[in-house]
């Protein structure tokens, strides 16, 4: 069951990433940020349950960055890096 849930989490991260690479979705869209956040939370949870510390770090930071991105989209803060 964890494998299926993990695949769902990966899917929720990879689909919006692929869509941005194909020019079909903006990284500043609500859809992109929510899918990344939910996917990262799923994968972080599984990593915690399986005590995979490297993946806890990777997915935990991914979730945190997605949460910041979501906040920026919701508040209208510019997403430009420079």
PDB file of N, CA and C in Angstrom:
ATOM      1  N   UNK A   1       0.822  -1.205   0.000  1.00  0.00           N
ATOM      2  CA  UNK A   1       0.000   0.000   0.000  1.00  0.00           C
ATOM      3  C   UNK A   1       0.862   1.265   0.000  1.00  0.00           C
ATOM      4  N   UNK A   2       1.950   1.240   0.792  1.00  0.00           N
ATOM      5  CA  UNK A   2       2.847   2.405   0.818  1.00  0.00           C
ATOM      6  C   UNK A   2       3.449   2.666  -0.551  1.00  0.00           C
ATOM      7  N   UNK A   3       3.738   1.601  -1.282  1.00  0.00           N
ATOM      8  CA  UNK A   3       4.304   1.768  -2.623  1.00  0.00           C
ATOM      9  C   UNK A   3       3.338   2.532  -3.522  1.00  0.00           C
ATOM     10  N   UNK A   4       2.071   2.169  -3.494  1.00  0.00           N
ATOM     11  CA  UNK A   4       1.069   2.841  -4.328  1.00  0.00           C
ATOM     12  C   UNK A   4       0.920   4.307  -3.922  1.00  0.00           C
ATOM     13  N   UNK A   5       0.921   4.556  -2.632  1.00  0.00           N
ATOM     14  CA  UNK A   5       0.812   5.935  -2.146  1.00  0.00           C
ATOM     15  C   UNK A   5       2.072   6.726  -2.530  1.00  0.00           C
ATOM     16  N   UNK A   6       3.228   6.079  -2.445  1.00  0.00           N
ATOM     17  CA  UNK A   6       4.480   6.724  -2.841  1.00  0.00           C
ATOM     18  C   UNK A   6       4.501   7.074  -4.323  1.00  0.00           C
ATOM     19  N   UNK A   7       3.971   6.179  -5.140  1.00  0.00           N
ATOM     20  CA  UNK A   7       3.885   6.459  -6.585  1.00  0.00           C
ATOM     21  C   UNK A   7       2.970   7.657  -6.824  1.00  0.00           C
ATOM     22  N   UNK A   8       1.872   7.726  -6.094  1.00  0.00           N
ATOM     23  CA  UNK A   8       0.968   8.879  -6.203  1.00  0.00           C
ATOM     24  C   UNK A   8       1.707  10.166  -5.836  1.00  0.00           C
ATOM     25  N   UNK A   9       2.467  10.134  -4.731  1.00  0.00           N
ATOM     26  CA  UNK A   9       3.227  11.311  -4.318  1.00  0.00           C
ATOM     27  C   UNK A   9       4.225  11.740  -5.376  1.00  0.00           C
ATOM     28  N   UNK A  10       4.944  10.776  -5.944  1.00  0.00           N
ATOM     29  CA  UNK A  10       5.908  11.083  -7.002  1.00  0.00           C
ATOM     30  C   UNK A  10       5.197  11.657  -8.227  1.00  0.00           C
ATOM     31  N   UNK A  11       4.069  11.075  -8.576  1.00  0.00           N
ATOM     32  CA  UNK A  11       3.256  11.548  -9.699  1.00  0.00           C
ATOM     33  C   UNK A  11       2.858  13.009  -9.503  1.00  0.00           C
ATOM     34  N   UNK A  12       2.467  13.355  -8.264  1.00  0.00           N
ATOM     35  CA  UNK A  12       2.030  14.726  -7.968  1.00  0.00           C
ATOM     36  C   UNK A  12       3.181  15.737  -8.060  1.00  0.00           C
ATOM     37  N   UNK A  13       4.403  15.275  -7.973  1.00  0.00           N
ATOM     38  CA  UNK A  13       5.560  16.161  -8.141  1.00  0.00           C
ATOM     39  C   UNK A  13       6.002  16.188  -9.603  1.00  0.00           C
ATOM     40  N   UNK A  14       6.038  15.019 -10.229  1.00  0.00           N
ATOM     41  CA  UNK A  14       6.578  14.923 -11.586  1.00  0.00           C
ATOM     42  C   UNK A  14       5.657  15.500 -12.660  1.00  0.00           C
ATOM     43  N   UNK A  15       4.357  15.357 -12.514  1.00  0.00           N
ATOM     44  CA  UNK A  15       3.437  15.875 -13.533  1.00  0.00           C
ATOM     45  C   UNK A  15       3.543  17.396 -13.673  1.00  0.00           C
ATOM     46  N   UNK A  16       3.468  18.164 -12.586  1.00  0.00           N
ATOM     47  CA  UNK A  16       3.599  19.614 -12.775  1.00  0.00           C
ATOM     48  C   UNK A  16       4.999  20.018 -13.247  1.00  0.00           C
ATOM     49  N   UNK A  17       6.027  19.280 -12.816  1.00  0.00           N
ATOM     50  CA  UNK A  17       7.378  19.572 -13.303  1.00  0.00           C
ATOM     51  C   UNK A  17       7.441  19.379 -14.814  1.00  0.00           C
ATOM     52  N   UNK A  18       6.946  18.244 -15.284  1.00  0.00           N
ATOM     53  CA  UNK A  18       6.928  17.985 -16.722  1.00  0.00           C
ATOM     54  C   UNK A  18       6.111  19.018 -17.475  1.00  0.00           C
ATOM     55  N   UNK A  19       4.975  19.398 -16.901  1.00  0.00           N
ATOM     56  CA  UNK A  19       4.117  20.395 -17.546  1.00  0.00           C
ATOM     57  C   UNK A  19       4.812  21.742 -17.668  1.00  0.00           C
ATOM     58  N   UNK A  20       5.614  22.112 -16.678  1.00  0.00           N
ATOM     59  CA  UNK A  20       6.345  23.389 -16.787  1.00  0.00           C
ATOM     60  C   UNK A  20       7.429  23.291 -17.859  1.00  0.00           C
ATOM     61  N   UNK A  21       8.073  22.138 -17.953  1.00  0.00           N
ATOM     62  CA  UNK A  21       9.120  21.965 -18.962  1.00  0.00           C
ATOM     63  C   UNK A  21       8.548  22.004 -20.376  1.00  0.00           C
ATOM     64  N   UNK A  22       7.292  21.595 -20.529  1.00  0.00           N
ATOM     65  CA  UNK A  22       6.632  21.619 -21.831  1.00  0.00           C
ATOM     66  C   UNK A  22       5.882  22.931 -22.089  1.00  0.00           C
ATOM     67  N   UNK A  23       5.982  23.868 -21.141  1.00  0.00           N
ATOM     68  CA  UNK A  23       5.334  25.167 -21.302  1.00  0.00           C
ATOM     69  C   UNK A  23       3.828  25.128 -21.113  1.00  0.00           C
ATOM     70  N   UNK A  24       3.327  24.127 -20.431  1.00  0.00           N
ATOM     71  CA  UNK A  24       1.884  23.975 -20.234  1.00  0.00           C
ATOM     72  C   UNK A  24       1.395  24.439 -18.861  1.00  0.00           C
ATOM     73  N   UNK A  25       2.334  24.734 -17.970  1.00  0.00           N
ATOM     74  CA  UNK A  25       1.974  25.135 -16.612  1.00  0.00           C
ATOM     75  C   UNK A  25       3.047  26.073 -16.086  1.00  0.00           C
ATOM     76  N   UNK A  26       2.638  27.066 -15.359  1.00  0.00           N
ATOM     77  CA  UNK A  26       3.574  28.020 -14.767  1.00  0.00           C
ATOM     78  C   UNK A  26       3.916  27.600 -13.339  1.00  0.00           C
ATOM     79  N   UNK A  27       5.167  27.802 -12.961  1.00  0.00           N
ATOM     80  CA  UNK A  27       5.559  27.492 -11.584  1.00  0.00           C
ATOM     81  C   UNK A  27       4.891  28.434 -10.587  1.00  0.00           C
ATOM     82  N   UNK A  28       4.360  29.528 -11.068  1.00  0.00           N
ATOM     83  CA  UNK A  28       3.674  30.454 -10.175  1.00  0.00           C
ATOM     84  C   UNK A  28       2.165  30.198 -10.133  1.00  0.00           C
ATOM     85  N   UNK A  29       1.733  29.055 -10.667  1.00  0.00           N
ATOM     86  CA  UNK A  29       0.300  28.739 -10.618  1.00  0.00           C
ATOM     87  C   UNK A  29      -0.040  28.010  -9.319  1.00  0.00           C
ATOM     88  N   UNK A  30      -1.252  28.169  -8.902  1.00  0.00           N
ATOM     89  CA  UNK A  30      -1.745  27.493  -7.703  1.00  0.00           C
ATOM     90  C   UNK A  30      -1.699  25.976  -7.890  1.00  0.00           C
ATOM     91  N   UNK A  31      -2.055  25.503  -9.066  1.00  0.00           N
ATOM     92  CA  UNK A  31      -2.038  24.060  -9.356  1.00  0.00           C
ATOM     93  C   UNK A  31      -0.650  23.475  -9.162  1.00  0.00           C
ATOM     94  N   UNK A  32       0.355  24.125  -9.714  1.00  0.00           N
ATOM     95  CA  UNK A  32       1.737  23.651  -9.596  1.00  0.00           C
ATOM     96  C   UNK A  32       2.147  23.555  -8.128  1.00  0.00           C
ATOM     97  N   UNK A  33       1.904  24.606  -7.375  1.00  0.00           N
ATOM     98  CA  UNK A  33       2.340  24.651  -5.983  1.00  0.00           C
ATOM     99  C   UNK A  33       1.597  23.642  -5.106  1.00  0.00           C
ATOM    100  N   UNK A  34       0.300  23.503  -5.304  1.00  0.00           N
ATOM    101  CA  UNK A  34      -0.479  22.556  -4.489  1.00  0.00           C
ATOM    102  C   UNK A  34      -0.064  21.121  -4.792  1.00  0.00           C
ATOM    103  N   UNK A  35       0.088  20.790  -6.074  1.00  0.00           N
ATOM    104  CA  UNK A  35       0.490  19.428  -6.429  1.00  0.00           C
ATOM    105  C   UNK A  35       1.862  19.094  -5.842  1.00  0.00           C
ATOM    106  N   UNK A  36       2.805  20.041  -5.931  1.00  0.00           N
ATOM    107  CA  UNK A  36       4.132  19.822  -5.357  1.00  0.00           C
ATOM    108  C   UNK A  36       4.065  19.649  -3.844  1.00  0.00           C
ATOM    109  N   UNK A  37       3.294  20.473  -3.182  1.00  0.00           N
ATOM    110  CA  UNK A  37       3.186  20.390  -1.728  1.00  0.00           C
ATOM    111  C   UNK A  37       2.576  19.062  -1.283  1.00  0.00           C
ATOM    112  N   UNK A  38       1.478  18.672  -1.889  1.00  0.00           N
ATOM    113  CA  UNK A  38       0.819  17.423  -1.501  1.00  0.00           C
ATOM    114  C   UNK A  38       1.731  16.225  -1.797  1.00  0.00           C
ATOM    115  N   UNK A  39       2.358  16.217  -2.963  1.00  0.00           N
ATOM    116  CA  UNK A  39       3.271  15.133  -3.304  1.00  0.00           C
ATOM    117  C   UNK A  39       4.434  15.036  -2.340  1.00  0.00           C
ATOM    118  N   UNK A  40       5.018  16.173  -1.989  1.00  0.00           N
ATOM    119  CA  UNK A  40       6.147  16.183  -1.062  1.00  0.00           C
ATOM    120  C   UNK A  40       5.726  15.749   0.342  1.00  0.00           C
ATOM    121  N   UNK A  41       4.553  16.147   0.781  1.00  0.00           N
ATOM    122  CA  UNK A  41       4.060  15.718   2.095  1.00  0.00           C
ATOM    123  C   UNK A  41       3.865  14.201   2.117  1.00  0.00           C
ATOM    124  N   UNK A  42       3.294  13.661   1.055  1.00  0.00           N
ATOM    125  CA  UNK A  42       3.110  12.212   0.980  1.00  0.00           C
ATOM    126  C   UNK A  42       4.457  11.498   1.059  1.00  0.00           C
ATOM    127  N   UNK A  43       5.412  11.930   0.243  1.00  0.00           N
ATOM    128  CA  UNK A  43       6.714  11.263   0.215  1.00  0.00           C
ATOM    129  C   UNK A  43       7.499  11.477   1.511  1.00  0.00           C
ATOM    130  N   UNK A  44       7.360  12.639   2.135  1.00  0.00           N
ATOM    131  CA  UNK A  44       8.012  12.874   3.425  1.00  0.00           C
ATOM    132  C   UNK A  44       7.447  11.937   4.485  1.00  0.00           C
ATOM    133  N   UNK A  45       6.138  11.782   4.499  1.00  0.00           N
ATOM    134  CA  UNK A  45       5.487  10.897   5.467  1.00  0.00           C
ATOM    135  C   UNK A  45       5.972   9.462   5.307  1.00  0.00           C
ATOM    136  N   UNK A  46       6.028   8.999   4.082  1.00  0.00           N
ATOM    137  CA  UNK A  46       6.516   7.638   3.838  1.00  0.00           C
ATOM    138  C   UNK A  46       7.973   7.500   4.259  1.00  0.00           C
ATOM    139  N   UNK A  47       8.788   8.495   3.953  1.00  0.00           N
ATOM    140  CA  UNK A  47      10.196   8.456   4.347  1.00  0.00           C
ATOM    141  C   UNK A  47      10.343   8.405   5.868  1.00  0.00           C
ATOM    142  N   UNK A  48       9.500   9.140   6.581  1.00  0.00           N
ATOM    143  CA  UNK A  48       9.535   9.117   8.045  1.00  0.00           C
ATOM    144  C   UNK A  48       9.156   7.725   8.550  1.00  0.00           C
ATOM    145  N   UNK A  49       8.094   7.168   8.000  1.00  0.00           N
ATOM    146  CA  UNK A  49       7.642   5.843   8.429  1.00  0.00           C
ATOM    147  C   UNK A  49       8.702   4.771   8.175  1.00  0.00           C
ATOM    148  N   UNK A  50       9.469   4.941   7.111  1.00  0.00           N
ATOM    149  CA  UNK A  50      10.487   3.955   6.761  1.00  0.00           C
ATOM    150  C   UNK A  50      11.890   4.347   7.235  1.00  0.00           C
ATOM    151  N   UNK A  51      11.983   5.449   7.974  1.00  0.00           N
ATOM    152  CA  UNK A  51      13.241   5.942   8.536  1.00  0.00           C
ATOM    153  C   UNK A  51      14.331   6.089   7.478  1.00  0.00           C
ATOM    154  N   UNK A  52      13.969   6.712   6.373  1.00  0.00           N
ATOM    155  CA  UNK A  52      14.901   6.986   5.292  1.00  0.00           C
ATOM    156  C   UNK A  52      15.316   8.451   5.399  1.00  0.00           C
ATOM    157  N   UNK A  53      16.375   8.687   6.165  1.00  0.00           N
ATOM    158  CA  UNK A  53      16.734  10.045   6.571  1.00  0.00           C
ATOM    159  C   UNK A  53      17.113  10.959   5.409  1.00  0.00           C
ATOM    160  N   UNK A  54      17.778  10.433   4.419  1.00  0.00           N
ATOM    161  CA  UNK A  54      18.108  11.254   3.253  1.00  0.00           C
ATOM    162  C   UNK A  54      16.865  11.739   2.539  1.00  0.00           C
ATOM    163  N   UNK A  55      15.881  10.856   2.404  1.00  0.00           N
ATOM    164  CA  UNK A  55      14.637  11.237   1.747  1.00  0.00           C
ATOM    165  C   UNK A  55      13.770  12.120   2.640  1.00  0.00           C
ATOM    166  N   UNK A  56      13.887  11.962   3.949  1.00  0.00           N
ATOM    167  CA  UNK A  56      13.190  12.885   4.863  1.00  0.00           C
ATOM    168  C   UNK A  56      13.711  14.296   4.623  1.00  0.00           C
ATOM    169  N   UNK A  57      15.028  14.428   4.536  1.00  0.00           N
ATOM    170  CA  UNK A  57      15.631  15.742   4.282  1.00  0.00           C
ATOM    171  C   UNK A  57      15.194  16.275   2.916  1.00  0.00           C
ATOM    172  N   UNK A  58      15.342  15.460   1.877  1.00  0.00           N
ATOM    173  CA  UNK A  58      15.005  15.890   0.521  1.00  0.00           C
ATOM    174  C   UNK A  58      13.539  16.304   0.408  1.00  0.00           C
ATOM    175  N   UNK A  59      12.657  15.428   0.800  1.00  0.00           N
ATOM    176  CA  UNK A  59      11.228  15.705   0.633  1.00  0.00           C
ATOM    177  C   UNK A  59      10.714  16.723   1.636  1.00  0.00           C
ATOM    178  N   UNK A  60      11.318  16.763   2.837  1.00  0.00           N
ATOM    179  CA  UNK A  60      10.928  17.773   3.818  1.00  0.00           C
ATOM    180  C   UNK A  60      11.249  19.174   3.325  1.00  0.00           C
ATOM    181  N   UNK A  61      12.435  19.330   2.753  1.00  0.00           N
ATOM    182  CA  UNK A  61      12.812  20.639   2.187  1.00  0.00           C
ATOM    183  C   UNK A  61      11.940  20.949   0.980  1.00  0.00           C
ATOM    184  N   UNK A  62      11.668  19.933   0.154  1.00  0.00           N
ATOM    185  CA  UNK A  62      10.786  20.130  -1.010  1.00  0.00           C
ATOM    186  C   UNK A  62       9.414  20.621  -0.555  1.00  0.00           C
ATOM    187  N   UNK A  63       8.880  20.010   0.488  1.00  0.00           N
ATOM    188  CA  UNK A  63       7.575  20.425   1.016  1.00  0.00           C
ATOM    189  C   UNK A  63       7.632  21.850   1.553  1.00  0.00           C
ATOM    190  N   UNK A  64       8.705  22.175   2.268  1.00  0.00           N
ATOM    191  CA  UNK A  64       8.849  23.527   2.802  1.00  0.00           C
ATOM    192  C   UNK A  64       8.923  24.558   1.681  1.00  0.00           C
ATOM    193  N   UNK A  65       9.715  24.273   0.647  1.00  0.00           N
ATOM    194  CA  UNK A  65       9.823  25.205  -0.484  1.00  0.00           C
ATOM    195  C   UNK A  65       8.490  25.327  -1.227  1.00  0.00           C
ATOM    196  N   UNK A  66       7.769  24.225  -1.341  1.00  0.00           N
ATOM    197  CA  UNK A  66       6.450  24.268  -1.980  1.00  0.00           C
ATOM    198  C   UNK A  66       5.464  25.084  -1.155  1.00  0.00           C
ATOM    199  N   UNK A  67       5.568  24.975   0.167  1.00  0.00           N
ATOM    200  CA  UNK A  67       4.709  25.764   1.045  1.00  0.00           C
ATOM    201  C   UNK A  67       5.010  27.256   0.889  1.00  0.00           C
ATOM    202  N   UNK A  68       6.279  27.598   0.797  1.00  0.00           N
ATOM    203  CA  UNK A  68       6.659  28.997   0.569  1.00  0.00           C
ATOM    204  C   UNK A  68       6.140  29.470  -0.788  1.00  0.00           C
ATOM    205  N   UNK A  69       6.300  28.625  -1.813  1.00  0.00           N
ATOM    206  CA  UNK A  69       5.792  28.973  -3.142  1.00  0.00           C
ATOM    207  C   UNK A  69       4.287  29.162  -3.141  1.00  0.00           C
ATOM    208  N   UNK A  70       3.580  28.295  -2.444  1.00  0.00           N
ATOM    209  CA  UNK A  70       2.130  28.414  -2.342  1.00  0.00           C
ATOM    210  C   UNK A  70       1.748  29.708  -1.642  1.00  0.00           C
ATOM    211  N   UNK A  71       2.434  30.039  -0.576  1.00  0.00           N
ATOM    212  CA  UNK A  71       2.170  31.295   0.133  1.00  0.00           C
ATOM    213  C   UNK A  71       2.393  32.486  -0.802  1.00  0.00           C
ATOM    214  N   UNK A  72       3.476  32.435  -1.579  1.00  0.00           N
ATOM    215  CA  UNK A  72       3.783  33.535  -2.500  1.00  0.00           C
ATOM    216  C   UNK A  72       2.691  33.681  -3.569  1.00  0.00           C
ATOM    217  N   UNK A  73       2.216  32.565  -4.091  1.00  0.00           N
ATOM    218  CA  UNK A  73       1.149  32.628  -5.084  1.00  0.00           C
ATOM    219  C   UNK A  73      -0.125  33.195  -4.473  1.00  0.00           C
ATOM    220  N   UNK A  74      -0.457  32.727  -3.276  1.00  0.00           N
ATOM    221  CA  UNK A  74      -1.699  33.170  -2.625  1.00  0.00           C
ATOM    222  C   UNK A  74      -1.660  34.638  -2.223  1.00  0.00           C
ATOM    223  N   UNK A  75      -0.475  35.148  -1.882  1.00  0.00           N
ATOM    224  CA  UNK A  75      -0.372  36.545  -1.442  1.00  0.00           C
ATOM    225  C   UNK A  75       0.010  37.493  -2.556  1.00  0.00           C
ATOM    226  N   UNK A  76       0.335  36.937  -3.738  1.00  0.00           N
ATOM    227  CA  UNK A  76       0.699  37.784  -4.868  1.00  0.00           C
ATOM    228  C   UNK A  76       2.125  38.289  -4.822  1.00  0.00           C
ATOM    229  N   UNK A  77       2.963  37.694  -3.982  1.00  0.00           N
ATOM    230  CA  UNK A  77       4.373  38.085  -3.929  1.00  0.00           C
ATOM    231  C   UNK A  77       5.047  37.593  -5.190  1.00  0.00           C
ATOM    232  N   UNK A  78       5.859  38.419  -5.803  1.00  0.00           N
ATOM    233  CA  UNK A  78       6.547  38.052  -7.050  1.00  0.00           C
ATOM    234  C   UNK A  78       7.439  36.835  -6.843  1.00  0.00           C
ATOM    235  N   UNK A  79       7.498  35.968  -7.853  1.00  0.00           N
ATOM    236  CA  UNK A  79       8.323  34.773  -7.792  1.00  0.00           C
ATOM    237  C   UNK A  79       9.686  34.950  -8.452  1.00  0.00           C
ATOM    238  N   UNK A  80      10.010  36.143  -8.914  1.00  0.00           N
ATOM    239  CA  UNK A  80      11.295  36.359  -9.577  1.00  0.00           C
ATOM    240  C   UNK A  80      12.415  36.252  -8.570  1.00  0.00           C
ATOM    241  N   UNK A  81      13.487  35.546  -8.951  1.00  0.00           N
ATOM    242  CA  UNK A  81      14.614  35.309  -8.034  1.00  0.00           C
ATOM    243  C   UNK A  81      15.499  36.543  -7.886  1.00  0.00           C
ATOM    244  N   UNK A  82      15.541  37.378  -8.882  1.00  0.00           N
ATOM    245  CA  UNK A  82      16.463  38.515  -8.791  1.00  0.00           C
ATOM    246  C   UNK A  82      15.765  39.831  -8.753  1.00  0.00           C
TER     247      UNK A  82
END
